Amino acid sequence: MNPPAPFVQGSLTSCEAALGIAPHLGRMEGQVLSYIAARETYGATDAEIIEALGSHSYRPRRILLVQLGLLRDSGGTRKTSSGRKAVIWTLA
């Protein structure tokens, strides 16, 4: 299987195309992708994804989405509830 192409940041049609593959992903991957897409450039940390979606099982789904080229490390960090810095993930 070839990984889907990431979309062009700032392009609504490209974003819609990337999100259009969500039904072809597993349910959990689709939920992670939709959650991060809704947060736009603010993105989400793994802890925020887990809190919002309710399970630690979502972290491996985020890792897969990075491997597929749909999510990326934004280059920024945000503090977790424990005060540690965490990577902010955004749409690629």
N, C-alpha and C. Protein backbone atom coordinates (compact mmCIF):
# COMPACT_ATOMS: atom_id res chain seq x y z
N MET A 1 0.84 -1.18 0.00
CA MET A 1 0.00 0.00 0.00
C MET A 1 0.88 1.24 0.00
N ASN A 2 0.64 2.15 -0.90
CA ASN A 2 1.37 3.41 -0.92
C ASN A 2 0.75 4.36 0.08
N PRO A 3 1.58 5.07 0.87
CA PRO A 3 1.01 6.02 1.81
C PRO A 3 0.36 7.18 1.08
N PRO A 4 -0.75 7.71 1.62
CA PRO A 4 -1.39 8.85 0.98
C PRO A 4 -0.50 10.06 1.04
N ALA A 5 -0.62 10.93 0.07
CA ALA A 5 0.19 12.15 0.04
C ALA A 5 -0.33 13.14 1.07
N PRO A 6 0.59 13.82 1.77
CA PRO A 6 0.13 14.85 2.70
C PRO A 6 -0.46 16.01 1.93
N PHE A 7 -1.25 16.82 2.59
CA PHE A 7 -1.87 17.94 1.89
C PHE A 7 -1.03 19.20 2.05
N VAL A 8 -1.31 20.18 1.21
CA VAL A 8 -0.61 21.45 1.21
C VAL A 8 -1.21 22.33 2.29
N GLN A 9 -0.38 22.73 3.28
CA GLN A 9 -0.83 23.57 4.38
C GLN A 9 -1.44 24.86 3.83
N GLY A 10 -2.61 25.23 4.34
CA GLY A 10 -3.27 26.45 3.92
C GLY A 10 -4.18 26.29 2.71
N SER A 11 -4.19 25.12 2.12
CA SER A 11 -5.05 24.87 0.96
C SER A 11 -6.28 24.09 1.40
N LEU A 12 -7.44 24.74 1.36
CA LEU A 12 -8.67 24.09 1.80
C LEU A 12 -8.96 22.83 0.98
N THR A 13 -8.80 22.90 -0.32
CA THR A 13 -9.12 21.73 -1.14
C THR A 13 -8.14 20.59 -0.87
N SER A 14 -6.89 20.92 -0.64
CA SER A 14 -5.91 19.89 -0.35
C SER A 14 -6.20 19.25 1.00
N CYS A 15 -6.59 20.07 1.98
CA CYS A 15 -6.94 19.56 3.31
C CYS A 15 -8.15 18.63 3.20
N GLU A 16 -9.16 19.05 2.44
CA GLU A 16 -10.35 18.23 2.27
C GLU A 16 -10.00 16.88 1.63
N ALA A 17 -9.07 16.89 0.68
CA ALA A 17 -8.65 15.66 0.04
C ALA A 17 -7.95 14.73 1.03
N ALA A 18 -7.09 15.30 1.87
CA ALA A 18 -6.39 14.49 2.87
C ALA A 18 -7.39 13.89 3.86
N LEU A 19 -8.34 14.70 4.30
CA LEU A 19 -9.34 14.20 5.24
C LEU A 19 -10.28 13.21 4.58
N GLY A 20 -10.40 13.28 3.27
CA GLY A 20 -11.25 12.36 2.53
C GLY A 20 -10.78 10.91 2.62
N ILE A 21 -9.51 10.72 2.98
CA ILE A 21 -9.04 9.35 3.13
C ILE A 21 -9.40 8.77 4.49
N ALA A 22 -9.87 9.61 5.42
CA ALA A 22 -10.20 9.14 6.77
C ALA A 22 -11.08 7.89 6.77
N PRO A 23 -12.11 7.81 5.90
CA PRO A 23 -12.93 6.59 5.90
C PRO A 23 -12.16 5.32 5.51
N HIS A 24 -11.02 5.49 4.86
CA HIS A 24 -10.22 4.34 4.44
C HIS A 24 -9.20 3.94 5.49
N LEU A 25 -9.08 4.75 6.53
CA LEU A 25 -8.22 4.42 7.65
C LEU A 25 -9.04 3.65 8.67
N GLY A 26 -8.39 3.13 9.67
CA GLY A 26 -9.13 2.53 10.77
C GLY A 26 -9.91 3.60 11.52
N ARG A 27 -10.90 3.17 12.27
CA ARG A 27 -11.74 4.12 13.01
C ARG A 27 -10.91 5.04 13.90
N MET A 28 -9.96 4.48 14.62
CA MET A 28 -9.17 5.28 15.56
C MET A 28 -8.25 6.26 14.84
N GLU A 29 -7.65 5.83 13.73
CA GLU A 29 -6.82 6.74 12.96
C GLU A 29 -7.65 7.91 12.44
N GLY A 30 -8.86 7.61 11.97
CA GLY A 30 -9.76 8.65 11.49
C GLY A 30 -10.13 9.64 12.58
N GLN A 31 -10.33 9.13 13.79
CA GLN A 31 -10.66 10.02 14.91
C GLN A 31 -9.50 10.94 15.25
N VAL A 32 -8.30 10.40 15.27
CA VAL A 32 -7.12 11.23 15.56
C VAL A 32 -6.94 12.27 14.47
N LEU A 33 -7.03 11.87 13.22
CA LEU A 33 -6.86 12.79 12.10
C LEU A 33 -7.91 13.89 12.15
N SER A 34 -9.15 13.55 12.39
CA SER A 34 -10.22 14.55 12.47
C SER A 34 -10.03 15.49 13.64
N TYR A 35 -9.61 14.96 14.79
CA TYR A 35 -9.40 15.79 15.97
C TYR A 35 -8.31 16.83 15.72
N ILE A 36 -7.19 16.39 15.15
CA ILE A 36 -6.09 17.33 14.89
C ILE A 36 -6.48 18.31 13.79
N ALA A 37 -7.19 17.86 12.78
CA ALA A 37 -7.63 18.75 11.70
C ALA A 37 -8.53 19.85 12.25
N ALA A 38 -9.40 19.52 13.19
CA ALA A 38 -10.31 20.50 13.77
C ALA A 38 -9.56 21.56 14.57
N ARG A 39 -8.39 21.21 15.06
CA ARG A 39 -7.60 22.14 15.86
C ARG A 39 -6.70 23.02 14.98
N GLU A 40 -6.72 22.78 13.69
CA GLU A 40 -5.99 23.55 12.70
C GLU A 40 -4.53 23.73 13.11
N THR A 41 -3.98 24.93 13.02
CA THR A 41 -2.56 25.14 13.30
C THR A 41 -2.21 25.03 14.78
N TYR A 42 -3.20 25.04 15.68
CA TYR A 42 -2.95 24.88 17.11
C TYR A 42 -2.44 23.47 17.39
N GLY A 43 -2.90 22.50 16.61
CA GLY A 43 -2.46 21.12 16.74
C GLY A 43 -2.82 20.50 18.08
N ALA A 44 -2.14 19.40 18.39
CA ALA A 44 -2.40 18.69 19.65
C ALA A 44 -1.18 17.88 20.05
N THR A 45 -0.99 17.77 21.34
CA THR A 45 0.04 16.88 21.89
C THR A 45 -0.58 15.50 22.04
N ASP A 46 0.27 14.50 22.25
CA ASP A 46 -0.26 13.16 22.50
C ASP A 46 -1.18 13.16 23.72
N ALA A 47 -0.79 13.89 24.77
CA ALA A 47 -1.62 13.94 25.98
C ALA A 47 -2.99 14.55 25.69
N GLU A 48 -3.03 15.58 24.84
CA GLU A 48 -4.31 16.21 24.49
C GLU A 48 -5.18 15.26 23.67
N ILE A 49 -4.55 14.52 22.77
CA ILE A 49 -5.30 13.54 21.96
C ILE A 49 -5.89 12.48 22.88
N ILE A 50 -5.07 11.96 23.78
CA ILE A 50 -5.53 10.91 24.70
C ILE A 50 -6.66 11.43 25.58
N GLU A 51 -6.52 12.64 26.10
CA GLU A 51 -7.56 13.22 26.96
C GLU A 51 -8.86 13.43 26.19
N ALA A 52 -8.74 13.98 24.98
CA ALA A 52 -9.94 14.29 24.19
C ALA A 52 -10.66 13.04 23.71
N LEU A 53 -9.89 12.02 23.32
CA LEU A 53 -10.49 10.83 22.72
C LEU A 53 -10.66 9.68 23.71
N GLY A 54 -10.06 9.82 24.90
CA GLY A 54 -10.37 8.90 25.99
C GLY A 54 -9.63 7.59 26.07
N SER A 55 -8.47 7.46 25.41
CA SER A 55 -7.77 6.18 25.50
C SER A 55 -6.30 6.35 25.13
N HIS A 56 -5.44 5.64 25.84
CA HIS A 56 -4.01 5.62 25.50
C HIS A 56 -3.77 4.90 24.18
N SER A 57 -4.74 4.19 23.69
CA SER A 57 -4.61 3.46 22.42
C SER A 57 -4.49 4.40 21.22
N TYR A 58 -4.73 5.69 21.44
CA TYR A 58 -4.66 6.63 20.32
C TYR A 58 -3.24 7.02 19.96
N ARG A 59 -2.28 6.89 20.86
CA ARG A 59 -0.90 7.27 20.55
C ARG A 59 -0.34 6.43 19.40
N PRO A 60 -0.49 5.11 19.39
CA PRO A 60 0.00 4.34 18.24
C PRO A 60 -0.70 4.74 16.94
N ARG A 61 -1.94 5.17 17.02
CA ARG A 61 -2.65 5.62 15.81
C ARG A 61 -2.01 6.91 15.29
N ARG A 62 -1.63 7.80 16.20
CA ARG A 62 -0.96 9.05 15.79
C ARG A 62 0.38 8.72 15.14
N ILE A 63 1.11 7.75 15.72
CA ILE A 63 2.40 7.35 15.16
C ILE A 63 2.22 6.85 13.72
N LEU A 64 1.21 6.03 13.48
CA LEU A 64 0.94 5.53 12.14
C LEU A 64 0.62 6.69 11.18
N LEU A 65 -0.16 7.65 11.63
CA LEU A 65 -0.51 8.79 10.77
C LEU A 65 0.72 9.62 10.42
N VAL A 66 1.68 9.70 11.32
CA VAL A 66 2.95 10.38 11.00
C VAL A 66 3.70 9.57 9.94
N GLN A 67 3.76 8.25 10.12
CA GLN A 67 4.44 7.39 9.15
C GLN A 67 3.80 7.47 7.77
N LEU A 68 2.49 7.66 7.73
CA LEU A 68 1.77 7.78 6.45
C LEU A 68 1.92 9.17 5.82
N GLY A 69 2.52 10.10 6.56
CA GLY A 69 2.73 11.45 6.03
C GLY A 69 1.53 12.36 6.20
N LEU A 70 0.57 11.99 7.04
CA LEU A 70 -0.63 12.81 7.23
C LEU A 70 -0.49 13.78 8.40
N LEU A 71 0.35 13.44 9.37
CA LEU A 71 0.61 14.33 10.50
C LEU A 71 2.11 14.59 10.55
N ARG A 72 2.46 15.72 11.20
CA ARG A 72 3.88 16.04 11.33
C ARG A 72 4.13 16.74 12.65
N ASP A 73 5.37 16.72 13.06
CA ASP A 73 5.84 17.47 14.21
C ASP A 73 5.84 18.93 13.78
N SER A 74 5.10 19.77 14.49
CA SER A 74 4.99 21.18 14.10
C SER A 74 6.27 21.96 14.36
N GLY A 75 7.16 21.39 15.15
CA GLY A 75 8.36 22.11 15.54
C GLY A 75 8.17 22.85 16.85
N GLY A 76 6.93 22.87 17.33
CA GLY A 76 6.62 23.54 18.59
C GLY A 76 6.35 22.53 19.69
N THR A 77 6.34 23.03 20.91
CA THR A 77 6.00 22.20 22.06
C THR A 77 5.00 22.94 22.93
N ARG A 78 4.32 22.17 23.77
CA ARG A 78 3.40 22.72 24.75
C ARG A 78 3.58 21.90 26.02
N LYS A 79 3.44 22.56 27.19
CA LYS A 79 3.60 21.85 28.45
C LYS A 79 2.40 20.95 28.73
N THR A 80 2.71 19.78 29.25
CA THR A 80 1.67 18.84 29.67
C THR A 80 1.24 19.19 31.09
N SER A 81 0.27 18.48 31.60
CA SER A 81 -0.20 18.73 32.96
C SER A 81 0.90 18.46 33.99
N SER A 82 1.89 17.64 33.62
CA SER A 82 3.01 17.36 34.53
C SER A 82 4.13 18.38 34.39
N GLY A 83 3.94 19.34 33.47
CA GLY A 83 4.94 20.38 33.28
C GLY A 83 6.02 20.05 32.27
N ARG A 84 5.96 18.87 31.69
CA ARG A 84 6.95 18.50 30.67
C ARG A 84 6.55 19.05 29.31
N LYS A 85 7.55 19.29 28.47
CA LYS A 85 7.29 19.73 27.11
C LYS A 85 6.87 18.54 26.26
N ALA A 86 5.89 18.76 25.39
CA ALA A 86 5.41 17.71 24.50
C ALA A 86 5.33 18.26 23.08
N VAL A 87 5.63 17.43 22.11
CA VAL A 87 5.55 17.80 20.70
C VAL A 87 4.11 18.14 20.35
N ILE A 88 3.94 19.19 19.55
CA ILE A 88 2.63 19.54 19.02
C ILE A 88 2.54 18.95 17.61
N TRP A 89 1.54 18.12 17.40
CA TRP A 89 1.32 17.46 16.11
C TRP A 89 0.28 18.24 15.32
N THR A 90 0.53 18.44 14.03
CA THR A 90 -0.42 19.11 13.14
C THR A 90 -0.56 18.31 11.86
N LEU A 91 -1.53 18.67 11.04
CA LEU A 91 -1.65 18.05 9.74
C LEU A 91 -0.40 18.37 8.93
N ALA A 92 0.05 17.41 8.14
CA ALA A 92 1.29 17.58 7.36
C ALA A 92 1.09 18.57 6.23
